[in-house]
């Protein structure tokens, strides 16, 4: 009767490789989740900052009496945003978009 014998060296090696693979997968998964959250948070901060600066620029242009389409378009292009300007009743009185700027250029 012949019986195959797997030595301690072999099954210890396989067990070590399995533990290393599982721990590596867990570390990579955790790092991926943390980096995604960090990128998402930073993108939100940048978007809020751009929106705040654009709102200040629009308010300054309105105070000077120059909140026309050309100034909105310049602000939209400078901040890389799509802007929509509404009055106090909720009626849109102006808009500008970086996509329209890109399409308008030949």
C-alpha atoms as a PDB file:
ATOM      1  CA  UNK A   1       0.000   0.000   0.000  1.00  0.00           C
ATOM      2  CA  UNK A   2       1.529   3.268  -1.142  1.00  0.00           C
ATOM      3  CA  UNK A   3       0.509   6.419   0.519  1.00  0.00           C
ATOM      4  CA  UNK A   4       1.480   9.851  -0.640  1.00  0.00           C
ATOM      5  CA  UNK A   5       3.108  11.828   2.066  1.00  0.00           C
ATOM      6  CA  UNK A   6       3.112  15.602   2.066  1.00  0.00           C
ATOM      7  CA  UNK A   7       5.950  16.857   4.152  1.00  0.00           C
ATOM      8  CA  UNK A   8       5.732  19.576   6.764  1.00  0.00           C
ATOM      9  CA  UNK A   9       7.795  21.863   4.562  1.00  0.00           C
ATOM     10  CA  UNK A  10       5.163  21.740   1.817  1.00  0.00           C
ATOM     11  CA  UNK A  11       2.042  22.337   3.850  1.00  0.00           C
ATOM     12  CA  UNK A  12       3.740  25.040   5.952  1.00  0.00           C
ATOM     13  CA  UNK A  13       4.804  26.775   2.759  1.00  0.00           C
ATOM     14  CA  UNK A  14       1.286  26.606   1.349  1.00  0.00           C
ATOM     15  CA  UNK A  15      -0.230  27.837   4.632  1.00  0.00           C
ATOM     16  CA  UNK A  16       2.222  30.757   4.759  1.00  0.00           C
ATOM     17  CA  UNK A  17       1.447  31.694   1.139  1.00  0.00           C
ATOM     18  CA  UNK A  18      -2.283  31.609   1.883  1.00  0.00           C
ATOM     19  CA  UNK A  19      -1.936  33.827   4.968  1.00  0.00           C
ATOM     20  CA  UNK A  20       0.278  36.271   3.032  1.00  0.00           C
ATOM     21  CA  UNK A  21      -2.210  36.442   0.139  1.00  0.00           C
ATOM     22  CA  UNK A  22      -5.204  37.056   2.417  1.00  0.00           C
ATOM     23  CA  UNK A  23      -3.439  39.721   4.470  1.00  0.00           C
ATOM     24  CA  UNK A  24      -2.211  41.457   1.303  1.00  0.00           C
ATOM     25  CA  UNK A  25      -5.736  41.482  -0.114  1.00  0.00           C
ATOM     26  CA  UNK A  26      -7.079  43.016   3.101  1.00  0.00           C
ATOM     27  CA  UNK A  27      -4.399  45.734   3.157  1.00  0.00           C
ATOM     28  CA  UNK A  28      -4.983  46.615  -0.497  1.00  0.00           C
ATOM     29  CA  UNK A  29      -8.746  46.760   0.037  1.00  0.00           C
ATOM     30  CA  UNK A  30      -8.377  49.046   3.058  1.00  0.00           C
ATOM     31  CA  UNK A  31      -5.887  51.328   1.297  1.00  0.00           C
ATOM     32  CA  UNK A  32      -8.156  51.560  -1.742  1.00  0.00           C
ATOM     33  CA  UNK A  33     -11.163  52.559   0.355  1.00  0.00           C
ATOM     34  CA  UNK A  34      -9.201  55.189   2.267  1.00  0.00           C
ATOM     35  CA  UNK A  35      -7.704  56.701  -0.885  1.00  0.00           C
ATOM     36  CA  UNK A  36     -11.121  56.844  -2.591  1.00  0.00           C
ATOM     37  CA  UNK A  37     -12.552  58.665   0.412  1.00  0.00           C
ATOM     38  CA  UNK A  38      -9.623  61.081   0.471  1.00  0.00           C
ATOM     39  CA  UNK A  39      -9.965  61.842  -3.261  1.00  0.00           C
ATOM     40  CA  UNK A  40     -13.735  62.339  -2.905  1.00  0.00           C
ATOM     41  CA  UNK A  41     -13.312  64.684   0.070  1.00  0.00           C
ATOM     42  CA  UNK A  42     -10.645  66.719  -1.730  1.00  0.00           C
ATOM     43  CA  UNK A  43     -12.790  66.980  -4.860  1.00  0.00           C
ATOM     44  CA  UNK A  44     -15.701  68.275  -2.777  1.00  0.00           C
ATOM     45  CA  UNK A  45     -13.444  70.851  -1.125  1.00  0.00           C
ATOM     46  CA  UNK A  46     -12.175  72.046  -4.511  1.00  0.00           C
ATOM     47  CA  UNK A  47     -15.700  72.269  -5.932  1.00  0.00           C
ATOM     48  CA  UNK A  48     -16.919  74.254  -2.923  1.00  0.00           C
ATOM     49  CA  UNK A  49     -13.928  76.573  -3.169  1.00  0.00           C
ATOM     50  CA  UNK A  50     -14.491  77.207  -6.880  1.00  0.00           C
ATOM     51  CA  UNK A  51     -18.187  77.829  -6.266  1.00  0.00           C
ATOM     52  CA  UNK A  52     -17.446  80.278  -3.459  1.00  0.00           C
ATOM     53  CA  UNK A  53     -14.944  82.240  -5.554  1.00  0.00           C
ATOM     54  CA  UNK A  54     -17.340  82.297  -8.521  1.00  0.00           C
ATOM     55  CA  UNK A  55     -20.146  83.593  -6.271  1.00  0.00           C
ATOM     56  CA  UNK A  56     -17.867  86.367  -5.025  1.00  0.00           C
ATOM     57  CA  UNK A  57     -16.918  87.265  -8.613  1.00  0.00           C
ATOM     58  CA  UNK A  58     -20.573  87.351  -9.696  1.00  0.00           C
ATOM     59  CA  UNK A  59     -21.497  89.507  -6.681  1.00  0.00           C
ATOM     60  CA  UNK A  60     -18.647  91.900  -7.456  1.00  0.00           C
ATOM     61  CA  UNK A  61     -19.695  92.099 -11.115  1.00  0.00           C
ATOM     62  CA  UNK A  62     -23.315  92.730 -10.086  1.00  0.00           C
ATOM     63  CA  UNK A  63     -22.201  95.483  -7.692  1.00  0.00           C
ATOM     64  CA  UNK A  64     -20.375  97.160 -10.566  1.00  0.00           C
ATOM     65  CA  UNK A  65     -23.449  96.726 -12.759  1.00  0.00           C
ATOM     66  CA  UNK A  66     -21.623  94.415 -15.154  1.00  0.00           C
ATOM     67  CA  UNK A  67     -23.274  91.027 -14.510  1.00  0.00           C
ATOM     68  CA  UNK A  68     -23.884  90.433 -18.206  1.00  0.00           C
ATOM     69  CA  UNK A  69     -23.405  87.270 -20.248  1.00  0.00           C
ATOM     70  CA  UNK A  70     -19.807  88.137 -21.152  1.00  0.00           C
ATOM     71  CA  UNK A  71     -18.743  88.545 -17.517  1.00  0.00           C
ATOM     72  CA  UNK A  72     -20.610  85.354 -16.511  1.00  0.00           C
ATOM     73  CA  UNK A  73     -18.882  83.510 -19.338  1.00  0.00           C
ATOM     74  CA  UNK A  74     -15.477  84.808 -18.188  1.00  0.00           C
ATOM     75  CA  UNK A  75     -16.170  83.753 -14.590  1.00  0.00           C
ATOM     76  CA  UNK A  76     -17.415  80.331 -15.709  1.00  0.00           C
ATOM     77  CA  UNK A  77     -14.320  79.799 -17.813  1.00  0.00           C
ATOM     78  CA  UNK A  78     -11.947  81.025 -15.108  1.00  0.00           C
ATOM     79  CA  UNK A  79     -13.480  78.738 -12.452  1.00  0.00           C
ATOM     80  CA  UNK A  80     -14.283  75.891 -14.893  1.00  0.00           C
ATOM     81  CA  UNK A  81     -17.926  75.806 -13.777  1.00  0.00           C
ATOM     82  CA  UNK A  82     -21.396  76.006 -15.259  1.00  0.00           C
ATOM     83  CA  UNK A  83     -23.110  79.053 -13.790  1.00  0.00           C
ATOM     84  CA  UNK A  84     -26.807  79.792 -13.556  1.00  0.00           C
ATOM     85  CA  UNK A  85     -27.887  83.111 -12.094  1.00  0.00           C
ATOM     86  CA  UNK A  86     -31.384  83.414 -10.564  1.00  0.00           C
ATOM     87  CA  UNK A  87     -33.277  86.391  -9.181  1.00  0.00           C
ATOM     88  CA  UNK A  88     -35.034  86.373  -5.816  1.00  0.00           C
ATOM     89  CA  UNK A  89     -38.191  84.902  -7.382  1.00  0.00           C
ATOM     90  CA  UNK A  90     -36.308  81.913  -8.782  1.00  0.00           C
ATOM     91  CA  UNK A  91     -36.354  83.055 -12.402  1.00  0.00           C
ATOM     92  CA  UNK A  92     -33.137  82.423 -14.293  1.00  0.00           C
ATOM     93  CA  UNK A  93     -31.657  85.712 -15.435  1.00  0.00           C
ATOM     94  CA  UNK A  94     -28.327  84.487 -16.780  1.00  0.00           C
ATOM     95  CA  UNK A  95     -26.233  81.423 -17.428  1.00  0.00           C
ATOM     96  CA  UNK A  96     -22.821  80.441 -18.657  1.00  0.00           C
ATOM     97  CA  UNK A  97     -21.128  77.115 -19.120  1.00  0.00           C
ATOM     98  CA  UNK A  98     -17.609  76.026 -19.882  1.00  0.00           C
ATOM     99  CA  UNK A  99     -19.075  73.447 -22.272  1.00  0.00           C
ATOM    100  CA  UNK A 100     -20.659  76.240 -24.314  1.00  0.00           C
ATOM    101  CA  UNK A 101     -17.321  78.065 -24.287  1.00  0.00           C
ATOM    102  CA  UNK A 102     -15.585  74.969 -25.628  1.00  0.00           C
ATOM    103  CA  UNK A 103     -18.234  74.484 -28.354  1.00  0.00           C
ATOM    104  CA  UNK A 104     -18.208  78.141 -29.358  1.00  0.00           C
ATOM    105  CA  UNK A 105     -14.502  78.071 -30.158  1.00  0.00           C
ATOM    106  CA  UNK A 106     -13.688  76.723 -33.634  1.00  0.00           C
END
